[in-house]
């Protein structure tokens, strides 16, 4: 144990020394190489990526999302987010060429408000912010997003009003992710506060994009060798694609995305207590449908059959609410900004949490969405993109409905996949819904080096967070570039050819 601590301490000193050397070369203007670094922070179940490219004017940094969620089990947040944000702010010297906010889920944006003091220091020092079209301030779009947030808060209240069980836990996990409201209270931030900071307090007006838009890339990134394309989300005119969450099992995804509907009965209440009255508030005839039926005799309407009615409502309410929550979750995921960067000929795909409809829109040649797309409908453009990837940020933390089977099939070989996830946060192996989904990880591992953020232990001071039991700890080398594992982040480094 003592040797392990000494080794960890020595490693931390090396990291600090390396960081100081990087800052020194940046300040002296000597960093003029042709290198690219993709850093995945280990913060639990959530995305937090920093892409850095060298240039004659010093490193150019792209921040892609910053968030974490506790999830269904409460195990998703490993309490490293604030440390990781402090590290990022020091590494970048409070200067970012670009912030990309893929969508408004807690596990992608809560860090901006939870670490508000740190991000406020970037004011006037961010060249551009990119967001999904679905974050624009247009009244119709804003109204739609407000309705989704209110739905999430209402579903959360319903889950909290009843008994805690598997159904209510999943409801809370989904709705907390959708709203950013969690047991941490005001100090823990909210999605709304994060969006307010990003839109109003960093000194730059966000640019909102949908598939096919031409993004305005900051000059520093252009000079560093970047170009970019927006592949998703579907535009407002293609709302049917936005609503499509899943593809048919075995055709589009690696079994079910969220597991079979639970049959657990729970005391989740559909309405608040102020709306609840006793059966005496209604006439006996109101219970006509619930009266016992005896062949040859009319129903007895002198009594109120409240218990039969209540039992039927309570048995159907949990799964009805859960279905609504999953639909809400999928719509927000499908709003994800999907960006394809090209850096000196190497293609890097950041897919956010895009689900079926988002992928279908740019991957296939379709007039309208379908759950059963055919192989022949796979578009030439989609094939060309996926066959030449150098890097893939795995969609939706390895969820099965966020990297279609056809997408994996069209991908080339010898690239690197990074998956920011935390085991045992959502889903279970028992109903084929674990995240990350093991068959998906195996399929991608046949084509790429798959790196999970939770496959290595994280070290913060004297605290160590163990590696996932479901992840391989084999530190295989990538065919192109190199991998560096640090205390609470992993770096993939590429050199220009």
Protein backbone atom coordinates (compact mmCIF):
# COMPACT_ATOMS: atom_id res chain seq x y z
CA UNK A 1 0.00 0.00 0.00
CA UNK A 2 2.85 2.36 0.93
CA UNK A 3 4.58 1.64 -2.40
CA UNK A 4 1.35 2.32 -4.29
CA UNK A 5 0.90 5.67 -2.55
CA UNK A 6 4.52 6.62 -3.26
CA UNK A 7 4.10 5.69 -6.91
CA UNK A 8 0.90 7.72 -7.17
CA UNK A 9 2.61 10.70 -5.51
CA UNK A 10 5.51 10.46 -7.98
CA UNK A 11 3.07 10.27 -10.89
CA UNK A 12 1.25 13.39 -9.68
CA UNK A 13 4.56 15.26 -9.50
CA UNK A 14 5.29 14.26 -13.10
CA UNK A 15 1.86 15.52 -14.17
CA UNK A 16 2.39 18.85 -12.40
CA UNK A 17 5.85 19.20 -13.98
CA UNK A 18 4.44 18.41 -17.42
CA UNK A 19 1.66 20.96 -16.98
CA UNK A 20 4.12 23.66 -15.90
CA UNK A 21 6.31 22.92 -18.92
CA UNK A 22 3.29 23.19 -21.22
CA UNK A 23 2.33 26.55 -19.74
CA UNK A 24 5.89 27.81 -20.01
CA UNK A 25 6.15 26.89 -23.69
CA UNK A 26 2.73 28.47 -24.32
CA UNK A 27 3.77 31.74 -22.73
CA UNK A 28 7.09 31.79 -24.59
CA UNK A 29 5.32 31.02 -27.90
CA UNK A 30 7.60 28.03 -28.57
CA UNK A 31 4.87 25.40 -29.05
CA UNK A 32 4.64 25.21 -32.81
CA UNK A 33 4.39 21.44 -33.40
CA UNK A 34 1.61 19.65 -35.25
CA UNK A 35 -0.02 17.70 -32.44
CA UNK A 36 -3.58 17.09 -31.30
CA UNK A 37 -4.66 15.90 -27.85
CA UNK A 38 -8.12 14.61 -26.93
CA UNK A 39 -8.57 14.52 -23.17
CA UNK A 40 -11.41 12.61 -21.51
CA UNK A 41 -11.88 13.52 -17.85
CA UNK A 42 -13.12 10.83 -15.51
CA UNK A 43 -16.03 12.45 -13.71
CA UNK A 44 -18.45 9.51 -13.69
CA UNK A 45 -21.49 9.21 -15.91
CA UNK A 46 -21.13 12.34 -18.02
CA UNK A 47 -19.14 13.96 -20.81
CA UNK A 48 -16.23 16.33 -20.23
CA UNK A 49 -13.74 16.49 -23.11
CA UNK A 50 -10.94 18.94 -23.85
CA UNK A 51 -9.49 18.92 -27.38
CA UNK A 52 -6.20 20.81 -27.73
CA UNK A 53 -4.17 21.49 -30.85
CA UNK A 54 -0.81 23.18 -31.07
CA UNK A 55 -0.31 26.25 -33.23
CA UNK A 56 2.17 29.06 -33.73
CA UNK A 57 0.06 31.17 -31.37
CA UNK A 58 0.02 28.52 -28.65
CA UNK A 59 -2.48 25.73 -27.98
CA UNK A 60 -6.05 26.13 -29.18
CA UNK A 61 -8.59 24.50 -26.87
CA UNK A 62 -12.08 23.13 -27.53
CA UNK A 63 -14.24 22.24 -24.54
CA UNK A 64 -17.00 19.75 -25.34
CA UNK A 65 -19.60 19.50 -22.56
CA UNK A 66 -19.06 19.47 -18.83
CA UNK A 67 -21.52 17.48 -16.76
CA UNK A 68 -22.30 14.44 -14.63
CA UNK A 69 -25.39 12.72 -13.26
CA UNK A 70 -26.04 10.38 -10.34
CA UNK A 71 -28.34 8.29 -12.52
CA UNK A 72 -30.82 5.62 -11.52
CA UNK A 73 -28.59 4.01 -8.90
CA UNK A 74 -27.05 7.19 -7.47
CA UNK A 75 -23.56 5.87 -8.34
CA UNK A 76 -22.96 7.95 -11.47
CA UNK A 77 -21.38 10.98 -9.78
CA UNK A 78 -17.96 10.02 -8.41
CA UNK A 79 -17.30 13.53 -6.99
CA UNK A 80 -14.35 14.44 -9.24
CA UNK A 81 -16.09 17.07 -11.39
CA UNK A 82 -14.94 20.15 -9.47
CA UNK A 83 -11.35 18.91 -9.34
CA UNK A 84 -11.44 18.20 -13.07
CA UNK A 85 -12.84 21.67 -13.86
CA UNK A 86 -10.10 23.34 -11.77
CA UNK A 87 -7.52 21.30 -13.66
CA UNK A 88 -9.04 22.29 -17.01
CA UNK A 89 -9.12 25.99 -16.14
CA UNK A 90 -5.45 25.94 -15.16
CA UNK A 91 -4.47 23.90 -18.22
CA UNK A 92 -6.16 26.37 -20.57
CA UNK A 93 -5.16 29.48 -18.63
CA UNK A 94 -8.85 30.48 -18.76
CA UNK A 95 -8.79 30.70 -22.54
CA UNK A 96 -10.96 28.63 -24.90
CA UNK A 97 -11.25 28.87 -28.66
CA UNK A 98 -14.59 27.04 -28.62
CA UNK A 99 -17.17 25.62 -26.21
CA UNK A 100 -19.53 23.01 -27.64
CA UNK A 101 -22.71 22.26 -25.67
CA UNK A 102 -24.27 19.19 -27.25
CA UNK A 103 -27.63 19.28 -25.40
CA UNK A 104 -29.28 20.26 -22.13
CA UNK A 105 -28.94 17.10 -20.05
CA UNK A 106 -27.38 17.31 -16.59
CA UNK A 107 -24.62 14.88 -17.52
CA UNK A 108 -23.47 17.31 -20.21
CA UNK A 109 -23.96 20.80 -18.74
CA UNK A 110 -24.33 20.76 -14.93
CA UNK A 111 -20.62 21.52 -14.49
CA UNK A 112 -21.08 25.03 -15.88
CA UNK A 113 -23.31 26.04 -12.94
CA UNK A 114 -21.87 23.69 -10.32
CA UNK A 115 -18.45 25.23 -11.01
CA UNK A 116 -19.82 28.68 -11.78
CA UNK A 117 -16.98 30.63 -10.12
CA UNK A 118 -14.39 28.89 -12.29
CA UNK A 119 -16.26 29.37 -15.54
CA UNK A 120 -16.98 33.05 -14.88
CA UNK A 121 -13.21 33.61 -15.15
CA UNK A 122 -13.53 32.72 -18.85
CA UNK A 123 -15.65 35.82 -19.47
CA UNK A 124 -14.36 37.59 -22.57
CA UNK A 125 -11.83 34.81 -23.16
CA UNK A 126 -13.98 32.42 -25.23
CA UNK A 127 -13.95 32.88 -29.00
CA UNK A 128 -17.15 30.95 -29.78
CA UNK A 129 -19.91 28.84 -28.26
CA UNK A 130 -21.83 26.31 -30.34
CA UNK A 131 -25.20 24.93 -29.28
CA UNK A 132 -27.93 22.83 -30.83
CA UNK A 133 -30.61 24.64 -32.83
CA UNK A 134 -33.02 23.45 -30.13
CA UNK A 135 -31.49 25.97 -27.70
CA UNK A 136 -32.33 29.05 -29.78
CA UNK A 137 -34.34 31.84 -28.23
CA UNK A 138 -37.05 31.66 -30.89
CA UNK A 139 -40.41 31.73 -29.03
CA UNK A 140 -41.65 28.41 -30.46
CA UNK A 141 -38.43 26.58 -29.63
CA UNK A 142 -38.21 28.15 -26.17
CA UNK A 143 -41.83 27.21 -25.46
CA UNK A 144 -41.13 23.62 -26.49
CA UNK A 145 -38.06 23.39 -24.23
CA UNK A 146 -39.94 24.95 -21.31
CA UNK A 147 -42.69 22.38 -21.71
CA UNK A 148 -40.12 19.57 -21.63
CA UNK A 149 -38.55 21.02 -18.48
CA UNK A 150 -41.93 21.38 -16.79
CA UNK A 151 -42.76 17.80 -17.72
CA UNK A 152 -39.50 16.62 -16.16
CA UNK A 153 -40.19 18.53 -12.95
CA UNK A 154 -43.74 17.19 -12.79
CA UNK A 155 -42.59 13.61 -13.29
CA UNK A 156 -39.92 14.10 -10.64
CA UNK A 157 -42.52 15.38 -8.14
CA UNK A 158 -44.71 12.35 -8.87
CA UNK A 159 -41.80 9.98 -8.24
CA UNK A 160 -40.89 11.70 -4.96
CA UNK A 161 -44.50 11.60 -3.75
CA UNK A 162 -44.67 7.80 -3.72
CA UNK A 163 -42.69 4.88 -2.33
CA UNK A 164 -39.13 4.32 -3.53
CA UNK A 165 -38.60 1.27 -5.71
CA UNK A 166 -36.97 0.37 -9.03
CA UNK A 167 -39.52 2.32 -11.08
CA UNK A 168 -39.33 5.51 -9.03
CA UNK A 169 -35.53 5.30 -8.95
CA UNK A 170 -35.37 5.15 -12.74
CA UNK A 171 -37.88 8.01 -12.98
CA UNK A 172 -35.78 10.15 -10.66
CA UNK A 173 -32.60 9.34 -12.56
CA UNK A 174 -34.12 10.37 -15.89
CA UNK A 175 -35.91 13.49 -14.64
CA UNK A 176 -32.96 14.77 -12.61
CA UNK A 177 -30.82 14.44 -15.73
CA UNK A 178 -33.44 16.34 -17.74
CA UNK A 179 -33.85 19.17 -15.22
CA UNK A 180 -30.54 19.29 -13.38
CA UNK A 181 -32.46 19.44 -10.10
CA UNK A 182 -30.91 17.01 -7.65
CA UNK A 183 -30.69 16.39 -3.88
CA UNK A 184 -27.54 18.50 -3.78
CA UNK A 185 -29.77 21.58 -3.63
CA UNK A 186 -28.99 25.08 -5.01
CA UNK A 187 -25.23 24.63 -4.58
CA UNK A 188 -25.32 21.73 -6.99
CA UNK A 189 -26.41 23.87 -9.94
CA UNK A 190 -29.24 23.28 -12.40
CA UNK A 191 -29.50 22.91 -16.15
CA UNK A 192 -31.32 26.24 -16.36
CA UNK A 193 -28.50 28.08 -14.52
CA UNK A 194 -25.88 26.42 -16.70
CA UNK A 195 -27.65 27.54 -19.86
CA UNK A 196 -28.07 31.07 -18.49
CA UNK A 197 -24.32 31.31 -17.80
CA UNK A 198 -23.41 29.99 -21.24
CA UNK A 199 -25.84 32.22 -23.08
CA UNK A 200 -25.38 35.45 -21.13
CA UNK A 201 -22.26 35.60 -19.00
CA UNK A 202 -19.22 34.50 -20.98
CA UNK A 203 -19.06 37.55 -23.24
CA UNK A 204 -19.88 35.78 -26.49
CA UNK A 205 -23.23 35.05 -28.09
CA UNK A 206 -23.79 31.35 -28.82
CA UNK A 207 -24.27 30.16 -32.37
CA UNK A 208 -27.06 27.62 -32.88
CA UNK A 209 -26.74 24.85 -35.45
CA UNK A 210 -28.68 21.98 -37.01
CA UNK A 211 -27.69 19.39 -39.60
CA UNK A 212 -26.37 20.94 -42.80
CA UNK A 213 -25.51 24.34 -41.31
CA UNK A 214 -22.04 25.73 -42.00
CA UNK A 215 -20.40 26.51 -38.65
CA UNK A 216 -18.29 29.61 -38.09
CA UNK A 217 -15.02 28.15 -36.87
CA UNK A 218 -12.80 30.58 -34.89
CA UNK A 219 -9.69 31.70 -36.77
CA UNK A 220 -7.36 30.18 -34.18
CA UNK A 221 -8.80 26.73 -34.87
CA UNK A 222 -8.63 27.22 -38.63
CA UNK A 223 -4.99 28.22 -38.31
CA UNK A 224 -4.40 25.12 -36.15
CA UNK A 225 -5.65 22.91 -39.00
CA UNK A 226 -9.34 22.39 -38.14
CA UNK A 227 -12.46 22.31 -40.26
CA UNK A 228 -15.90 21.25 -39.05
CA UNK A 229 -19.27 19.95 -40.24
CA UNK A 230 -22.59 19.79 -38.38
CA UNK A 231 -24.28 16.39 -38.85
CA UNK A 232 -27.03 16.69 -36.24
CA UNK A 233 -29.54 17.43 -34.82
CA UNK A 234 -32.33 17.24 -37.42
CA UNK A 235 -33.65 20.72 -38.25
CA UNK A 236 -37.02 21.98 -37.01
CA UNK A 237 -38.69 20.93 -40.25
CA UNK A 238 -37.83 17.28 -39.52
CA UNK A 239 -39.44 16.85 -36.11
CA UNK A 240 -40.44 13.25 -36.91
CA UNK A 241 -36.76 12.31 -36.88
CA UNK A 242 -36.33 14.01 -33.51
CA UNK A 243 -39.09 11.85 -32.00
CA UNK A 244 -37.60 8.53 -33.14
CA UNK A 245 -35.70 7.09 -30.16
CA UNK A 246 -34.99 3.47 -31.03
CA UNK A 247 -34.58 1.18 -34.02
CA UNK A 248 -36.04 -2.31 -34.21
CA UNK A 249 -34.17 -4.85 -32.08
CA UNK A 250 -31.60 -6.78 -34.08
CA UNK A 251 -31.92 -4.36 -37.01
CA UNK A 252 -30.74 -1.08 -35.62
CA UNK A 253 -29.46 -1.66 -32.10
CA UNK A 254 -27.81 -4.18 -29.83
CA UNK A 255 -31.01 -5.40 -28.11
CA UNK A 256 -33.24 -3.18 -26.01
CA UNK A 257 -32.12 0.30 -25.01
CA UNK A 258 -33.90 0.56 -21.69
CA UNK A 259 -35.02 -2.93 -20.78
CA UNK A 260 -38.46 -4.43 -20.70
CA UNK A 261 -41.17 -2.35 -19.01
CA UNK A 262 -41.15 -3.01 -15.31
CA UNK A 263 -44.06 -4.86 -13.76
CA UNK A 264 -43.26 -3.55 -10.30
CA UNK A 265 -46.22 -1.82 -8.67
CA UNK A 266 -45.47 1.30 -6.75
CA UNK A 267 -47.23 4.13 -4.94
CA UNK A 268 -46.22 6.88 -7.37
CA UNK A 269 -48.94 9.51 -7.30
CA UNK A 270 -50.05 11.15 -10.55
CA UNK A 271 -51.29 14.35 -8.82
CA UNK A 272 -50.18 16.53 -5.93
CA UNK A 273 -52.00 16.23 -2.56
CA UNK A 274 -53.93 19.47 -3.13
CA UNK A 275 -55.83 17.75 -5.95
CA UNK A 276 -56.73 14.60 -4.01
CA UNK A 277 -60.25 14.16 -2.59
CA UNK A 278 -62.12 11.22 -1.11
CA UNK A 279 -64.61 9.04 -3.01
CA UNK A 280 -67.52 10.78 -1.23
CA UNK A 281 -66.90 13.83 -3.42
CA UNK A 282 -68.39 11.92 -6.36
CA UNK A 283 -71.85 10.37 -6.84
CA UNK A 284 -72.13 6.59 -6.72
CA UNK A 285 -72.90 6.53 -10.45
CA UNK A 286 -69.36 7.80 -11.13
CA UNK A 287 -68.10 4.32 -10.19
CA UNK A 288 -70.41 2.49 -12.58
CA UNK A 289 -67.60 0.88 -14.59
CA UNK A 290 -65.99 -0.55 -11.47
CA UNK A 291 -69.08 -2.25 -10.04
CA UNK A 292 -68.93 -6.09 -9.91
CA UNK A 293 -70.71 -7.75 -12.81
CA UNK A 294 -73.06 -10.69 -12.19
CA UNK A 295 -74.51 -12.41 -15.26
CA UNK A 296 -78.22 -11.65 -15.67
CA UNK A 297 -78.24 -8.86 -13.06
CA UNK A 298 -77.74 -5.08 -13.44
CA UNK A 299 -74.74 -3.58 -11.58
CA UNK A 300 -75.36 -2.31 -8.06
CA UNK A 301 -74.93 1.49 -8.26
CA UNK A 302 -75.72 2.22 -4.61
CA UNK A 303 -72.08 1.90 -3.56
CA UNK A 304 -68.82 3.58 -4.50
CA UNK A 305 -66.23 1.09 -5.71
CA UNK A 306 -63.29 3.35 -4.96
CA UNK A 307 -60.84 0.59 -4.07
CA UNK A 308 -61.18 -1.14 -7.45
CA UNK A 309 -60.67 2.17 -9.26
CA UNK A 310 -57.69 3.16 -7.13
CA UNK A 311 -56.03 -0.22 -7.61
CA UNK A 312 -56.35 0.02 -11.40
CA UNK A 313 -54.97 3.57 -11.53
CA UNK A 314 -52.02 2.85 -9.24
CA UNK A 315 -51.07 -0.32 -11.10
CA UNK A 316 -50.91 1.50 -14.44
CA UNK A 317 -49.49 4.86 -13.32
CA UNK A 318 -45.82 3.91 -12.68
CA UNK A 319 -45.15 2.44 -16.10
CA UNK A 320 -47.15 5.18 -17.84
CA UNK A 321 -45.00 7.82 -16.12
CA UNK A 322 -41.84 5.87 -16.88
CA UNK A 323 -42.76 5.67 -20.57
CA UNK A 324 -43.31 9.44 -20.59
CA UNK A 325 -39.95 9.98 -18.87
CA UNK A 326 -38.13 7.79 -21.39
CA UNK A 327 -39.76 9.66 -24.27
CA UNK A 328 -38.67 12.96 -22.72
CA UNK A 329 -35.15 11.61 -22.25
CA UNK A 330 -34.95 10.47 -25.86
CA UNK A 331 -36.19 13.76 -27.33
CA UNK A 332 -33.54 15.69 -25.41
CA UNK A 333 -30.84 13.23 -26.51
CA UNK A 334 -31.91 13.56 -30.14
CA UNK A 335 -31.40 17.31 -29.88
CA UNK A 336 -27.66 16.61 -29.57
CA UNK A 337 -25.27 18.66 -31.65
CA UNK A 338 -23.22 16.14 -33.66
CA UNK A 339 -19.93 17.57 -34.91
CA UNK A 340 -17.44 16.08 -37.33
CA UNK A 341 -14.05 17.75 -37.02
CA UNK A 342 -11.28 17.28 -39.54
CA UNK A 343 -7.81 18.04 -38.24
CA UNK A 344 -5.02 17.83 -40.81
CA UNK A 345 -6.81 15.05 -42.68
CA UNK A 346 -7.93 13.10 -39.58
CA UNK A 347 -11.66 12.88 -38.87
CA UNK A 348 -13.00 13.14 -35.31
CA UNK A 349 -16.67 12.41 -34.64
CA UNK A 350 -18.32 13.77 -31.48
CA UNK A 351 -21.84 12.33 -31.40
CA UNK A 352 -23.14 13.71 -28.10
CA UNK A 353 -26.08 11.55 -26.99
CA UNK A 354 -27.71 11.33 -30.42
CA UNK A 355 -30.26 8.53 -30.63
CA UNK A 356 -31.87 6.79 -33.58
CA UNK A 357 -33.60 9.71 -35.31
CA UNK A 358 -30.52 11.94 -35.17
CA UNK A 359 -28.33 9.21 -36.69
CA UNK A 360 -30.93 8.28 -39.31
CA UNK A 361 -31.12 11.85 -40.57
CA UNK A 362 -27.50 12.02 -41.73
CA UNK A 363 -26.52 8.36 -42.01
CA UNK A 364 -29.31 7.17 -44.33
CA UNK A 365 -30.98 8.43 -47.49
CA UNK A 366 -34.54 8.59 -46.15
CA UNK A 367 -37.59 10.68 -46.94
CA UNK A 368 -39.07 9.95 -43.51
CA UNK A 369 -37.88 8.10 -40.39
CA UNK A 370 -38.36 4.37 -39.98
CA UNK A 371 -37.51 1.89 -37.25
CA UNK A 372 -36.33 -0.66 -39.84
CA UNK A 373 -33.99 1.03 -42.31
CA UNK A 374 -32.46 -1.28 -44.90
CA UNK A 375 -28.79 -1.70 -45.70
CA UNK A 376 -29.45 -0.30 -49.19
CA UNK A 377 -30.70 2.98 -47.68
CA UNK A 378 -27.38 3.70 -45.99
CA UNK A 379 -26.14 6.87 -47.64
CA UNK A 380 -22.82 7.22 -49.43
CA UNK A 381 -21.97 10.30 -47.38
CA UNK A 382 -22.59 8.48 -44.09
CA UNK A 383 -20.49 5.53 -45.22
CA UNK A 384 -17.65 7.82 -46.29
CA UNK A 385 -17.59 9.61 -42.93
CA UNK A 386 -17.65 6.47 -40.79
CA UNK A 387 -15.17 4.50 -42.89
CA UNK A 388 -12.42 7.07 -42.41
CA UNK A 389 -12.68 7.98 -38.70
CA UNK A 390 -9.55 8.52 -36.64
CA UNK A 391 -11.56 9.10 -33.45
CA UNK A 392 -15.10 8.44 -32.24
CA UNK A 393 -16.63 9.85 -29.06
CA UNK A 394 -19.04 7.05 -28.32
CA UNK A 395 -22.65 8.17 -28.38
CA UNK A 396 -24.68 8.31 -25.17
CA UNK A 397 -22.05 6.74 -22.90
CA UNK A 398 -22.32 3.38 -24.66
CA UNK A 399 -26.11 3.06 -24.64
CA UNK A 400 -27.28 0.65 -27.29
CA UNK A 401 -29.68 3.08 -28.99
CA UNK A 402 -26.99 5.67 -29.63
CA UNK A 403 -24.63 3.82 -31.99
CA UNK A 404 -26.72 1.91 -34.56
CA UNK A 405 -25.56 -1.48 -35.81
CA UNK A 406 -25.29 -0.06 -39.32
CA UNK A 407 -22.99 2.71 -38.06
CA UNK A 408 -20.63 0.19 -36.45
CA UNK A 409 -20.70 -1.89 -39.62
CA UNK A 410 -19.76 1.11 -41.75
CA UNK A 411 -16.86 2.15 -39.52
CA UNK A 412 -13.31 1.50 -40.67
CA UNK A 413 -10.45 0.02 -38.65
CA UNK A 414 -7.72 1.09 -36.24
CA UNK A 415 -9.35 4.24 -34.86
CA UNK A 416 -9.82 5.13 -31.18
CA UNK A 417 -13.18 5.18 -29.41
CA UNK A 418 -13.57 7.00 -26.10
CA UNK A 419 -16.57 6.31 -23.88
CA UNK A 420 -17.19 8.57 -20.87
CA UNK A 421 -19.28 6.41 -18.58
CA UNK A 422 -19.67 4.84 -15.14
CA UNK A 423 -20.83 1.27 -14.67
CA UNK A 424 -24.01 0.46 -12.71
CA UNK A 425 -25.57 3.90 -13.24
CA UNK A 426 -28.38 3.02 -15.65
CA UNK A 427 -29.81 -0.35 -16.69
CA UNK A 428 -28.91 -3.90 -15.75
CA UNK A 429 -27.31 -6.92 -17.41
CA UNK A 430 -30.34 -9.00 -16.40
CA UNK A 431 -32.65 -7.23 -18.86
CA UNK A 432 -30.01 -6.42 -21.51
CA UNK A 433 -30.03 -2.70 -20.73
CA UNK A 434 -26.68 -2.14 -19.00
CA UNK A 435 -24.82 1.07 -19.84
CA UNK A 436 -22.37 0.76 -21.45
CA UNK A 437 -23.92 -2.12 -23.40
CA UNK A 438 -21.45 -5.01 -23.48
CA UNK A 439 -22.30 -6.37 -26.99
CA UNK A 440 -21.90 -2.86 -28.41
CA UNK A 441 -18.52 -2.43 -26.71
CA UNK A 442 -17.37 -5.79 -28.09
CA UNK A 443 -18.52 -4.90 -31.61
CA UNK A 444 -16.63 -1.59 -31.53
CA UNK A 445 -13.57 -3.26 -29.98
CA UNK A 446 -13.23 -5.40 -33.12
CA UNK A 447 -12.67 -2.24 -35.13
CA UNK A 448 -11.13 0.24 -32.71
CA UNK A 449 -9.30 0.64 -29.44
CA UNK A 450 -12.17 1.31 -27.00
CA UNK A 451 -11.23 3.38 -23.96
CA UNK A 452 -13.76 3.69 -21.14
CA UNK A 453 -13.24 6.46 -18.62
CA UNK A 454 -14.08 4.06 -15.78
CA UNK A 455 -11.67 1.30 -16.82
CA UNK A 456 -8.86 2.91 -14.83
CA UNK A 457 -8.91 3.89 -11.14
CA UNK A 458 -9.15 7.63 -10.51
CA UNK A 459 -6.91 9.26 -7.91
CA UNK A 460 -7.69 12.60 -6.27
CA UNK A 461 -5.15 13.31 -3.54
CA UNK A 462 -5.27 10.32 -1.18
CA UNK A 463 -8.67 9.23 -2.48
CA UNK A 464 -8.84 6.39 -4.99
CA UNK A 465 -11.95 5.49 -6.99
CA UNK A 466 -11.76 1.89 -8.23
CA UNK A 467 -11.98 0.89 -11.86
CA UNK A 468 -15.15 -0.66 -13.25
CA UNK A 469 -15.48 -4.41 -12.86
CA UNK A 470 -17.05 -4.72 -16.33
CA UNK A 471 -14.22 -2.94 -18.18
CA UNK A 472 -10.98 -4.36 -19.44
CA UNK A 473 -7.86 -2.87 -17.86
CA UNK A 474 -5.59 -4.04 -20.68
CA UNK A 475 -3.65 -0.97 -21.73
CA UNK A 476 -3.43 -1.79 -25.40
CA UNK A 477 -1.60 0.71 -27.57
CA UNK A 478 -3.50 2.44 -30.39
CA UNK A 479 -2.35 1.65 -33.93
CA UNK A 480 -2.02 5.39 -34.58
CA UNK A 481 -0.96 7.96 -31.97
CA UNK A 482 -0.44 7.25 -28.30
CA UNK A 483 -2.44 6.96 -25.10
CA UNK A 484 -1.51 8.49 -21.75
CA UNK A 485 -3.36 7.58 -18.54
CA UNK A 486 -3.27 10.13 -15.74
CA UNK A 487 -4.82 10.32 -12.26
CA UNK A 488 -8.30 11.42 -13.37
CA UNK A 489 -8.14 11.80 -17.13
CA UNK A 490 -6.98 9.93 -20.23
CA UNK A 491 -5.24 11.55 -23.20
CA UNK A 492 -5.19 10.38 -26.80
CA UNK A 493 -2.43 12.16 -28.75
CA UNK A 494 -2.13 12.37 -32.53
CA UNK A 495 0.64 13.83 -34.64
CA UNK A 496 0.12 15.32 -38.10
CA UNK A 497 1.58 13.22 -40.91
